[in-house]
């Protein structure tokens, strides 16, 4: 049994039910909207976040209709945010596949993203729980704040890791946090249980983003992006920040880093910077940090957790840090 099968095993039946709900939520009689939604459905992937919602629901109770609608609301909000992000970043690829804006255009992408956001809020209301509606709304705020925080960081001369973690907590970890928390809330978990679920999701999400940032230092046809793609967009992530702080007296390295942030560095300069980060231990440092967050996440699981759910959640976080795309 591979890791994905192991992760899905405790919620396999419920996942099929969720997929049916997901498919039916993305339909329209309008020809263009229907066509774009069909394309989005084809790119829906492994449903890792809805699986997390359901695993957390099963950890604390019994999966119900509120669980399904919460999972769907979060997945639609996530998908809408990715469609909008690709417009902002002018990306023509999303995990190796053509982005919506590459096939259609920015106007269509923004409007379809808006449609999916509205559909997300509709399903949040279907949960019948105000707490879940608020959770989804707060997630939308955090995702936007994360993007704006990242944009505002590109011109700064500061290489603090704290700023990096603030950004990824809002941009990436917030989604995993909301998924885990909503699963617990949907089955009536206590406030303390829901908070631990939220922290588990956050630790998992931070590990996920660190892994994504490590990918940027290696060629990956599967990801559909070249080495240094983040740096082409002016982003300096954890491996680079570690090396810049380690070699804080290296004026030429700092100057190059600031040129990267200002979008003034050439591809050759970025390649040179990538090699320096690798040589000076940036990848090893980021990997150690990633495993630290794995341990923090697993420590949050209750001692009384069902063995099958614990095994599945452990496999989940191991998949996140061992994946190759």
Protein backbone atom coordinates (compact mmCIF):
# COMPACT_ATOMS: atom_id res chain seq x y z
CA UNK A 1 0.00 0.00 0.00
CA UNK A 2 1.44 3.39 -1.00
CA UNK A 3 1.27 6.48 1.25
CA UNK A 4 -1.75 8.04 -0.47
CA UNK A 5 -3.77 4.83 -0.08
CA UNK A 6 -2.70 4.60 3.57
CA UNK A 7 -3.75 8.22 4.17
CA UNK A 8 -7.16 7.74 2.54
CA UNK A 9 -7.95 4.35 4.06
CA UNK A 10 -9.99 5.48 7.13
CA UNK A 11 -12.13 7.87 5.04
CA UNK A 12 -12.24 6.11 1.66
CA UNK A 13 -16.03 5.75 1.56
CA UNK A 14 -16.60 9.34 2.72
CA UNK A 15 -14.08 10.65 0.17
CA UNK A 16 -16.14 9.16 -2.67
CA UNK A 17 -19.22 10.89 -1.30
CA UNK A 18 -17.26 14.14 -1.10
CA UNK A 19 -16.04 13.84 -4.71
CA UNK A 20 -19.65 13.55 -5.88
CA UNK A 21 -20.54 16.72 -3.96
CA UNK A 22 -17.46 18.51 -5.34
CA UNK A 23 -18.32 17.56 -8.95
CA UNK A 24 -21.93 18.69 -8.59
CA UNK A 25 -20.91 22.04 -7.04
CA UNK A 26 -18.89 23.04 -10.12
CA UNK A 27 -21.52 23.05 -12.85
CA UNK A 28 -23.17 25.83 -14.83
CA UNK A 29 -25.58 26.19 -17.73
CA UNK A 30 -23.46 29.05 -19.09
CA UNK A 31 -21.23 27.54 -21.82
CA UNK A 32 -18.02 29.46 -21.00
CA UNK A 33 -18.36 29.16 -17.22
CA UNK A 34 -19.25 25.48 -17.56
CA UNK A 35 -16.19 24.88 -19.73
CA UNK A 36 -13.81 26.59 -17.30
CA UNK A 37 -15.34 24.78 -14.31
CA UNK A 38 -14.90 21.45 -16.11
CA UNK A 39 -11.23 22.26 -16.62
CA UNK A 40 -10.86 23.17 -12.93
CA UNK A 41 -12.50 19.86 -11.93
CA UNK A 42 -10.04 17.92 -14.09
CA UNK A 43 -7.13 19.53 -12.21
CA UNK A 44 -8.60 18.85 -8.76
CA UNK A 45 -5.78 16.50 -7.72
CA UNK A 46 -5.58 14.26 -4.67
CA UNK A 47 -8.02 16.22 -2.45
CA UNK A 48 -5.45 16.35 0.35
CA UNK A 49 -7.15 19.14 2.30
CA UNK A 50 -10.67 17.63 2.25
CA UNK A 51 -9.05 14.37 3.40
CA UNK A 52 -7.53 16.28 6.33
CA UNK A 53 -10.96 17.73 7.21
CA UNK A 54 -12.46 14.23 7.25
CA UNK A 55 -9.60 12.61 9.17
CA UNK A 56 -9.85 15.26 11.89
CA UNK A 57 -13.63 14.86 12.00
CA UNK A 58 -13.19 11.11 12.46
CA UNK A 59 -10.52 11.67 15.11
CA UNK A 60 -13.04 13.55 17.29
CA UNK A 61 -16.43 12.14 16.23
CA UNK A 62 -18.54 10.98 13.28
CA UNK A 63 -18.37 12.55 9.81
CA UNK A 64 -21.65 14.27 8.91
CA UNK A 65 -23.14 16.68 6.34
CA UNK A 66 -21.50 19.68 8.05
CA UNK A 67 -18.12 17.97 7.60
CA UNK A 68 -18.71 17.52 3.86
CA UNK A 69 -19.89 21.10 3.30
CA UNK A 70 -17.01 22.51 5.37
CA UNK A 71 -14.51 20.46 3.36
CA UNK A 72 -16.10 21.61 0.10
CA UNK A 73 -16.21 25.25 1.17
CA UNK A 74 -12.49 25.21 2.02
CA UNK A 75 -11.51 23.37 -1.16
CA UNK A 76 -13.44 25.85 -3.32
CA UNK A 77 -11.92 28.82 -1.49
CA UNK A 78 -8.47 27.31 -1.92
CA UNK A 79 -9.03 26.71 -5.64
CA UNK A 80 -10.38 30.25 -6.13
CA UNK A 81 -7.33 31.70 -4.39
CA UNK A 82 -4.98 29.71 -6.66
CA UNK A 83 -6.78 30.94 -9.78
CA UNK A 84 -6.45 34.53 -8.55
CA UNK A 85 -2.79 33.97 -7.50
CA UNK A 86 -1.90 32.81 -11.02
CA UNK A 87 -3.31 36.07 -12.39
CA UNK A 88 -1.36 38.16 -9.84
CA UNK A 89 1.86 36.18 -10.44
CA UNK A 90 1.30 36.03 -14.24
CA UNK A 91 1.89 32.26 -14.03
CA UNK A 92 1.10 30.06 -17.01
CA UNK A 93 1.62 26.80 -15.09
CA UNK A 94 0.17 25.34 -11.91
CA UNK A 95 1.95 22.15 -10.75
CA UNK A 96 2.96 21.24 -14.29
CA UNK A 97 -0.44 21.98 -15.90
CA UNK A 98 -1.59 25.06 -17.77
CA UNK A 99 -3.18 27.64 -15.47
CA UNK A 100 -6.72 28.90 -16.12
CA UNK A 101 -5.43 32.34 -17.18
CA UNK A 102 -3.02 30.71 -19.66
CA UNK A 103 -5.88 28.88 -21.43
CA UNK A 104 -8.51 31.61 -21.18
CA UNK A 105 -7.49 35.09 -19.97
CA UNK A 106 -7.16 37.18 -16.84
CA UNK A 107 -10.72 38.54 -16.97
CA UNK A 108 -12.23 35.06 -17.18
CA UNK A 109 -9.90 33.79 -14.45
CA UNK A 110 -10.79 36.55 -11.98
CA UNK A 111 -14.54 36.13 -12.60
CA UNK A 112 -14.41 32.34 -12.30
CA UNK A 113 -12.39 32.72 -9.09
CA UNK A 114 -15.09 35.08 -7.78
CA UNK A 115 -17.81 32.58 -8.73
CA UNK A 116 -16.01 29.81 -6.86
CA UNK A 117 -15.54 32.06 -3.83
CA UNK A 118 -19.29 32.75 -3.74
CA UNK A 119 -19.98 29.01 -4.08
CA UNK A 120 -17.56 28.39 -1.21
CA UNK A 121 -19.52 30.74 1.06
CA UNK A 122 -22.80 29.08 0.06
CA UNK A 123 -21.48 25.70 1.22
CA UNK A 124 -20.11 27.25 4.41
CA UNK A 125 -23.70 28.36 5.13
CA UNK A 126 -24.93 24.81 4.40
CA UNK A 127 -22.92 23.55 7.38
CA UNK A 128 -25.50 25.24 9.63
CA UNK A 129 -22.69 26.28 11.99
CA UNK A 130 -21.85 29.98 12.35
CA UNK A 131 -18.42 29.00 13.70
CA UNK A 132 -17.60 27.26 10.41
CA UNK A 133 -18.85 30.19 8.31
CA UNK A 134 -16.62 32.50 10.36
CA UNK A 135 -13.69 30.10 9.98
CA UNK A 136 -14.01 30.13 6.17
CA UNK A 137 -14.37 33.94 6.08
CA UNK A 138 -11.30 34.40 8.30
CA UNK A 139 -9.33 32.04 6.06
CA UNK A 140 -10.18 34.22 3.04
CA UNK A 141 -8.84 37.24 4.92
CA UNK A 142 -5.65 35.44 5.94
CA UNK A 143 -4.88 34.22 2.42
CA UNK A 144 -5.24 37.78 1.08
CA UNK A 145 -3.16 39.21 3.93
CA UNK A 146 -0.43 36.66 3.22
CA UNK A 147 -0.22 37.68 -0.42
CA UNK A 148 -0.11 41.38 0.46
CA UNK A 149 2.48 40.76 3.19
CA UNK A 150 4.64 38.95 0.66
CA UNK A 151 4.27 41.75 -1.90
CA UNK A 152 5.23 44.33 0.73
CA UNK A 153 8.27 42.29 1.72
CA UNK A 154 9.91 42.33 -1.72
CA UNK A 155 11.42 45.80 -1.28
CA UNK A 156 12.78 45.28 2.24
CA UNK A 157 16.41 44.87 3.23
CA UNK A 158 15.45 42.66 6.17
CA UNK A 159 16.22 38.92 5.98
CA UNK A 160 14.44 37.88 9.19
CA UNK A 161 13.08 34.34 9.34
CA UNK A 162 10.17 35.61 11.46
CA UNK A 163 8.80 37.56 8.50
CA UNK A 164 9.09 34.45 6.30
CA UNK A 165 7.12 32.38 8.84
CA UNK A 166 4.49 35.13 9.19
CA UNK A 167 3.95 35.02 5.43
CA UNK A 168 3.71 31.24 5.12
CA UNK A 169 1.45 30.97 8.17
CA UNK A 170 -1.04 33.17 6.34
CA UNK A 171 -0.39 32.08 2.75
CA UNK A 172 -0.19 28.30 3.14
CA UNK A 173 -0.44 27.04 6.70
CA UNK A 174 -3.73 28.90 7.29
CA UNK A 175 -5.47 26.58 4.84
CA UNK A 176 -4.25 23.40 6.55
CA UNK A 177 -5.06 24.95 9.92
CA UNK A 178 -8.62 25.78 8.84
CA UNK A 179 -9.07 22.31 7.31
CA UNK A 180 -8.03 20.49 10.48
CA UNK A 181 -9.97 22.86 12.75
CA UNK A 182 -13.15 22.73 10.66
CA UNK A 183 -13.11 18.93 10.72
CA UNK A 184 -13.02 19.00 14.53
CA UNK A 185 -15.66 21.74 14.80
CA UNK A 186 -18.01 19.96 12.35
CA UNK A 187 -18.40 17.01 14.75
CA UNK A 188 -18.78 19.06 17.93
CA UNK A 189 -15.25 18.70 19.32
CA UNK A 190 -14.44 20.72 22.45
CA UNK A 191 -12.71 24.10 22.17
CA UNK A 192 -9.46 22.57 23.40
CA UNK A 193 -9.67 19.72 20.87
CA UNK A 194 -10.46 22.14 18.03
CA UNK A 195 -7.47 24.31 19.01
CA UNK A 196 -5.11 21.32 19.01
CA UNK A 197 -6.49 20.27 15.62
CA UNK A 198 -5.85 23.82 14.34
CA UNK A 199 -2.25 23.77 15.61
CA UNK A 200 -1.70 20.35 14.04
CA UNK A 201 -2.88 21.76 10.70
CA UNK A 202 -0.67 24.82 11.05
CA UNK A 203 2.49 22.77 11.78
CA UNK A 204 1.64 20.51 8.84
CA UNK A 205 1.10 23.52 6.55
CA UNK A 206 4.41 25.12 7.50
CA UNK A 207 6.22 21.85 6.73
CA UNK A 208 4.36 21.71 3.39
CA UNK A 209 5.53 25.20 2.39
CA UNK A 210 9.13 24.60 3.43
CA UNK A 211 9.12 21.54 1.17
CA UNK A 212 7.75 23.65 -1.69
CA UNK A 213 10.50 26.21 -1.09
CA UNK A 214 13.18 23.50 -1.20
CA UNK A 215 11.82 22.42 -4.60
CA UNK A 216 12.76 25.83 -5.99
CA UNK A 217 16.45 24.93 -5.73
CA UNK A 218 16.18 21.96 -8.11
CA UNK A 219 15.03 21.51 -11.70
CA UNK A 220 11.59 19.89 -11.77
CA UNK A 221 9.73 19.07 -14.99
CA UNK A 222 6.96 17.59 -12.78
CA UNK A 223 6.38 20.96 -11.15
CA UNK A 224 6.60 22.72 -14.48
CA UNK A 225 8.99 25.38 -13.25
CA UNK A 226 12.74 26.01 -13.52
CA UNK A 227 15.20 26.32 -10.65
CA UNK A 228 14.99 29.73 -8.98
CA UNK A 229 11.42 30.41 -10.12
CA UNK A 230 10.53 32.00 -6.76
CA UNK A 231 13.57 34.24 -7.05
CA UNK A 232 12.51 35.31 -10.54
CA UNK A 233 9.44 36.68 -8.72
CA UNK A 234 11.58 38.42 -6.06
CA UNK A 235 10.92 35.86 -3.28
CA UNK A 236 13.65 34.79 -0.86
CA UNK A 237 12.63 31.73 1.13
CA UNK A 238 14.01 29.83 4.13
CA UNK A 239 17.15 28.25 2.55
CA UNK A 240 18.27 31.67 1.26
CA UNK A 241 17.41 33.51 4.48
CA UNK A 242 19.47 31.05 6.52
CA UNK A 243 22.55 31.56 4.32
CA UNK A 244 22.13 35.35 4.20
CA UNK A 245 22.01 35.48 8.01
CA UNK A 246 24.88 33.02 8.32
CA UNK A 247 27.03 35.09 5.92
CA UNK A 248 25.72 38.46 7.13
CA UNK A 249 29.12 40.14 6.56
CA UNK A 250 29.18 39.18 2.87
CA UNK A 251 28.25 42.51 1.26
CA UNK A 252 28.23 41.19 -2.32
CA UNK A 253 25.85 38.34 -1.40
CA UNK A 254 23.53 40.78 0.36
CA UNK A 255 23.62 43.10 -2.65
CA UNK A 256 22.73 40.21 -4.97
CA UNK A 257 19.86 39.18 -2.67
CA UNK A 258 18.47 42.71 -2.76
CA UNK A 259 18.79 42.76 -6.55
CA UNK A 260 16.77 39.52 -6.65
CA UNK A 261 14.07 41.07 -4.45
CA UNK A 262 13.97 44.17 -6.65
CA UNK A 263 13.60 41.95 -9.78
CA UNK A 264 16.88 43.34 -11.16
CA UNK A 265 18.92 40.11 -11.09
CA UNK A 266 19.63 38.14 -14.27
CA UNK A 267 18.96 34.40 -14.59
CA UNK A 268 22.70 33.82 -14.42
CA UNK A 269 22.95 35.77 -11.15
CA UNK A 270 20.03 33.82 -9.70
CA UNK A 271 21.71 30.54 -10.71
CA UNK A 272 24.88 31.70 -8.95
CA UNK A 273 22.86 32.60 -5.83
CA UNK A 274 21.14 29.18 -5.86
CA UNK A 275 24.51 27.42 -5.93
CA UNK A 276 25.79 29.54 -3.01
CA UNK A 277 22.70 28.71 -0.94
CA UNK A 278 23.15 24.99 -1.64
CA UNK A 279 26.87 25.08 -0.89
CA UNK A 280 26.42 26.93 2.41
CA UNK A 281 23.88 24.47 3.85
CA UNK A 282 20.60 26.26 3.13
CA UNK A 283 18.82 23.10 1.97
CA UNK A 284 19.99 21.04 4.96
CA UNK A 285 18.86 23.78 7.37
CA UNK A 286 15.40 24.06 5.79
CA UNK A 287 15.05 20.26 5.83
CA UNK A 288 15.87 20.14 9.56
CA UNK A 289 13.27 22.83 10.23
CA UNK A 290 10.70 20.90 8.22
CA UNK A 291 11.24 17.78 10.34
CA UNK A 292 10.98 19.87 13.52
CA UNK A 293 7.47 20.95 12.46
CA UNK A 294 6.63 17.30 11.72
CA UNK A 295 7.48 16.36 15.32
CA UNK A 296 5.52 19.32 16.71
CA UNK A 297 2.47 18.28 14.68
CA UNK A 298 2.54 14.64 15.76
CA UNK A 299 2.97 15.63 19.42
CA UNK A 300 -0.45 17.37 19.21
CA UNK A 301 -2.38 14.18 18.42
CA UNK A 302 -4.32 12.95 21.46
CA UNK A 303 -2.96 9.85 23.21
CA UNK A 304 -6.40 8.27 22.88
CA UNK A 305 -6.43 8.66 19.07
CA UNK A 306 -7.70 5.67 17.09
CA UNK A 307 -4.67 3.78 15.77
CA UNK A 308 -5.87 3.81 12.15
CA UNK A 309 -6.41 7.59 12.23
CA UNK A 310 -3.03 8.17 13.92
CA UNK A 311 -1.32 6.01 11.27
CA UNK A 312 -3.13 7.90 8.51
CA UNK A 313 -2.23 11.36 9.89
CA UNK A 314 1.40 10.29 10.38
CA UNK A 315 1.48 9.05 6.78
CA UNK A 316 -0.11 12.36 5.73
CA UNK A 317 2.65 14.53 7.19
CA UNK A 318 5.34 12.10 5.96
CA UNK A 319 3.87 12.33 2.46
CA UNK A 320 3.98 16.14 2.68
CA UNK A 321 7.72 16.17 3.46
CA UNK A 322 8.75 13.26 1.23
CA UNK A 323 6.77 14.14 -1.94
CA UNK A 324 8.56 14.97 -5.17
CA UNK A 325 6.01 17.49 -6.50
